[in-house]
């Protein structure tokens, strides 16, 4: 039986929400092994004038705990 753990991560990107999710996974993978899935919990954007300047996500990353 596998033991799974979930952590919540906030990340951002100046390009897109998809890129922000990729940044979250890439950064988490530096310290978390065995990542199995990512769930996008929330998406927001920072706006200046008429332009979106920053895409932000809150994701839940699930990984398998090593025994």
N, C-alpha and C. Protein backbone atom coordinates (compact mmCIF):
# COMPACT_ATOMS: atom_id res chain seq x y z
N UNK A 1 0.85 -1.18 0.00
CA UNK A 1 0.00 0.00 0.00
C UNK A 1 0.89 1.23 0.00
N UNK A 2 0.61 2.15 -0.90
CA UNK A 2 1.40 3.38 -1.02
C UNK A 2 0.82 4.46 -0.11
N UNK A 3 1.71 5.24 0.46
CA UNK A 3 1.31 6.38 1.27
C UNK A 3 1.55 7.64 0.43
N UNK A 4 0.50 8.44 0.28
CA UNK A 4 0.59 9.65 -0.52
C UNK A 4 0.48 10.88 0.40
N UNK A 5 1.13 11.97 -0.02
CA UNK A 5 1.06 13.21 0.73
C UNK A 5 0.76 14.33 -0.25
N UNK A 6 0.07 15.37 0.23
CA UNK A 6 -0.30 16.50 -0.62
C UNK A 6 0.26 17.78 0.00
N UNK A 7 0.89 18.61 -0.84
CA UNK A 7 1.36 19.92 -0.41
C UNK A 7 0.73 20.97 -1.32
N UNK A 8 0.51 22.13 -0.77
CA UNK A 8 -0.08 23.24 -1.53
C UNK A 8 1.03 24.23 -1.87
N UNK A 9 1.11 24.61 -3.13
CA UNK A 9 2.17 25.46 -3.64
C UNK A 9 1.55 26.65 -4.38
N UNK A 10 2.15 27.81 -4.22
CA UNK A 10 1.77 28.99 -5.00
C UNK A 10 2.89 29.27 -5.99
N UNK A 11 2.54 29.59 -7.24
CA UNK A 11 3.54 29.89 -8.25
C UNK A 11 3.00 30.95 -9.21
N UNK A 12 3.91 31.51 -9.98
CA UNK A 12 3.49 32.55 -10.93
C UNK A 12 4.30 32.47 -12.22
N UNK A 13 3.83 33.21 -13.23
CA UNK A 13 4.50 33.31 -14.52
C UNK A 13 4.04 34.58 -15.20
N UNK A 14 4.92 35.16 -15.98
CA UNK A 14 4.52 36.33 -16.76
C UNK A 14 3.92 35.92 -18.11
N UNK A 15 3.94 34.59 -18.42
CA UNK A 15 3.47 34.10 -19.72
C UNK A 15 2.03 33.61 -19.71
N UNK A 16 1.72 32.66 -18.78
CA UNK A 16 0.39 32.04 -18.80
C UNK A 16 0.16 31.26 -17.51
N UNK A 17 -1.12 30.85 -17.30
CA UNK A 17 -1.43 30.00 -16.15
C UNK A 17 -0.76 28.64 -16.33
N UNK A 18 -0.76 28.12 -17.54
CA UNK A 18 -0.12 26.83 -17.79
C UNK A 18 1.37 26.88 -17.42
N UNK A 19 2.02 27.95 -17.78
CA UNK A 19 3.43 28.11 -17.44
C UNK A 19 3.63 28.24 -15.93
N UNK A 20 2.69 28.87 -15.26
CA UNK A 20 2.77 28.99 -13.79
C UNK A 20 2.66 27.61 -13.14
N UNK A 21 1.79 26.75 -13.67
CA UNK A 21 1.67 25.38 -13.14
C UNK A 21 2.96 24.62 -13.39
N UNK A 22 3.52 24.75 -14.57
CA UNK A 22 4.80 24.09 -14.87
C UNK A 22 5.89 24.57 -13.93
N UNK A 23 5.91 25.86 -13.63
CA UNK A 23 6.89 26.42 -12.69
C UNK A 23 6.72 25.81 -11.30
N UNK A 24 5.47 25.63 -10.88
CA UNK A 24 5.21 25.04 -9.56
C UNK A 24 5.75 23.63 -9.48
N UNK A 25 5.48 22.83 -10.50
CA UNK A 25 5.94 21.44 -10.50
C UNK A 25 7.46 21.38 -10.59
N UNK A 26 8.03 22.20 -11.45
CA UNK A 26 9.49 22.20 -11.62
C UNK A 26 10.19 22.59 -10.33
N UNK A 27 9.68 23.60 -9.65
CA UNK A 27 10.28 24.05 -8.39
C UNK A 27 10.08 23.01 -7.29
N UNK A 28 8.90 22.44 -7.19
CA UNK A 28 8.63 21.42 -6.17
C UNK A 28 9.52 20.20 -6.38
N UNK A 29 9.76 19.83 -7.63
CA UNK A 29 10.55 18.64 -7.94
C UNK A 29 12.00 18.76 -7.49
N UNK A 30 12.45 19.96 -7.19
CA UNK A 30 13.81 20.15 -6.69
C UNK A 30 13.98 19.55 -5.30
N UNK A 31 12.89 19.53 -4.52
CA UNK A 31 12.98 19.01 -3.14
C UNK A 31 12.01 17.87 -2.85
N UNK A 32 11.06 17.62 -3.74
CA UNK A 32 10.07 16.55 -3.53
C UNK A 32 10.26 15.49 -4.60
N UNK A 33 10.41 14.24 -4.19
CA UNK A 33 10.55 13.14 -5.13
C UNK A 33 9.21 12.42 -5.29
N UNK A 34 9.09 11.68 -6.35
CA UNK A 34 7.92 10.83 -6.61
C UNK A 34 6.62 11.62 -6.77
N UNK A 35 6.67 12.77 -7.43
CA UNK A 35 5.45 13.54 -7.69
C UNK A 35 4.57 12.73 -8.64
N UNK A 36 3.30 12.59 -8.27
CA UNK A 36 2.37 11.78 -9.05
C UNK A 36 1.30 12.59 -9.77
N UNK A 37 0.90 13.75 -9.19
CA UNK A 37 -0.15 14.55 -9.84
C UNK A 37 -0.12 15.99 -9.35
N UNK A 38 -0.78 16.83 -10.12
CA UNK A 38 -0.94 18.23 -9.73
C UNK A 38 -2.40 18.62 -9.99
N UNK A 39 -2.99 19.32 -9.04
CA UNK A 39 -4.38 19.77 -9.12
C UNK A 39 -4.37 21.29 -8.99
N UNK A 40 -4.95 21.98 -9.96
CA UNK A 40 -5.01 23.44 -9.91
C UNK A 40 -6.21 23.84 -9.06
N UNK A 41 -5.92 24.44 -7.92
CA UNK A 41 -6.96 24.82 -6.96
C UNK A 41 -7.53 26.21 -7.29
N UNK A 42 -6.65 27.13 -7.71
CA UNK A 42 -7.09 28.50 -7.95
C UNK A 42 -6.20 29.18 -8.97
N UNK A 43 -6.77 30.09 -9.72
CA UNK A 43 -6.03 30.89 -10.70
C UNK A 43 -6.41 32.35 -10.51
N UNK A 44 -5.40 33.22 -10.49
CA UNK A 44 -5.64 34.66 -10.45
C UNK A 44 -4.63 35.33 -11.37
N UNK A 45 -4.83 36.60 -11.61
CA UNK A 45 -3.89 37.36 -12.43
C UNK A 45 -3.76 38.76 -11.87
N UNK A 46 -2.56 39.32 -12.01
CA UNK A 46 -2.32 40.71 -11.61
C UNK A 46 -2.43 41.55 -12.87
N UNK A 47 -3.19 42.64 -12.79
CA UNK A 47 -3.45 43.49 -13.95
C UNK A 47 -2.92 44.89 -13.69
N UNK A 48 -2.24 45.44 -14.69
CA UNK A 48 -1.81 46.84 -14.66
C UNK A 48 -2.35 47.49 -15.92
N UNK A 49 -3.21 48.49 -15.72
CA UNK A 49 -3.84 49.14 -16.87
C UNK A 49 -4.76 48.16 -17.56
N UNK A 50 -4.48 47.90 -18.84
CA UNK A 50 -5.28 46.96 -19.62
C UNK A 50 -4.58 45.62 -19.81
N UNK A 51 -3.44 45.42 -19.17
CA UNK A 51 -2.64 44.22 -19.43
C UNK A 51 -2.47 43.34 -18.21
N UNK A 52 -2.51 42.05 -18.45
CA UNK A 52 -2.17 41.08 -17.40
C UNK A 52 -0.66 41.03 -17.32
N UNK A 53 -0.13 41.26 -16.13
CA UNK A 53 1.32 41.27 -15.96
C UNK A 53 1.84 40.03 -15.26
N UNK A 54 0.97 39.30 -14.58
CA UNK A 54 1.43 38.15 -13.82
C UNK A 54 0.28 37.16 -13.65
N UNK A 55 0.51 35.92 -14.05
CA UNK A 55 -0.46 34.85 -13.88
C UNK A 55 -0.07 34.08 -12.62
N UNK A 56 -1.04 33.82 -11.75
CA UNK A 56 -0.75 33.17 -10.47
C UNK A 56 -1.65 31.96 -10.28
N UNK A 57 -1.07 30.90 -9.71
CA UNK A 57 -1.84 29.68 -9.44
C UNK A 57 -1.55 29.19 -8.03
N UNK A 58 -2.53 28.51 -7.47
CA UNK A 58 -2.34 27.73 -6.26
C UNK A 58 -2.64 26.30 -6.68
N UNK A 59 -1.66 25.42 -6.47
CA UNK A 59 -1.82 24.03 -6.87
C UNK A 59 -1.60 23.10 -5.68
N UNK A 60 -2.18 21.91 -5.79
CA UNK A 60 -1.94 20.85 -4.82
C UNK A 60 -1.13 19.78 -5.54
N UNK A 61 0.03 19.48 -4.99
CA UNK A 61 0.92 18.49 -5.59
C UNK A 61 0.89 17.24 -4.71
N UNK A 62 0.60 16.11 -5.35
CA UNK A 62 0.55 14.83 -4.64
C UNK A 62 1.81 14.04 -4.97
N UNK A 63 2.41 13.48 -3.91
CA UNK A 63 3.60 12.66 -4.12
C UNK A 63 3.56 11.46 -3.21
N UNK A 64 4.28 10.41 -3.65
CA UNK A 64 4.33 9.17 -2.88
C UNK A 64 5.46 9.25 -1.85
N UNK A 65 5.14 8.93 -0.61
CA UNK A 65 6.12 8.94 0.47
C UNK A 65 6.90 7.63 0.40
N UNK A 66 8.22 7.75 0.45
CA UNK A 66 9.06 6.55 0.43
C UNK A 66 9.05 5.88 1.80
N UNK A 67 8.94 4.57 1.78
CA UNK A 67 8.91 3.82 3.05
C UNK A 67 10.31 3.46 3.50
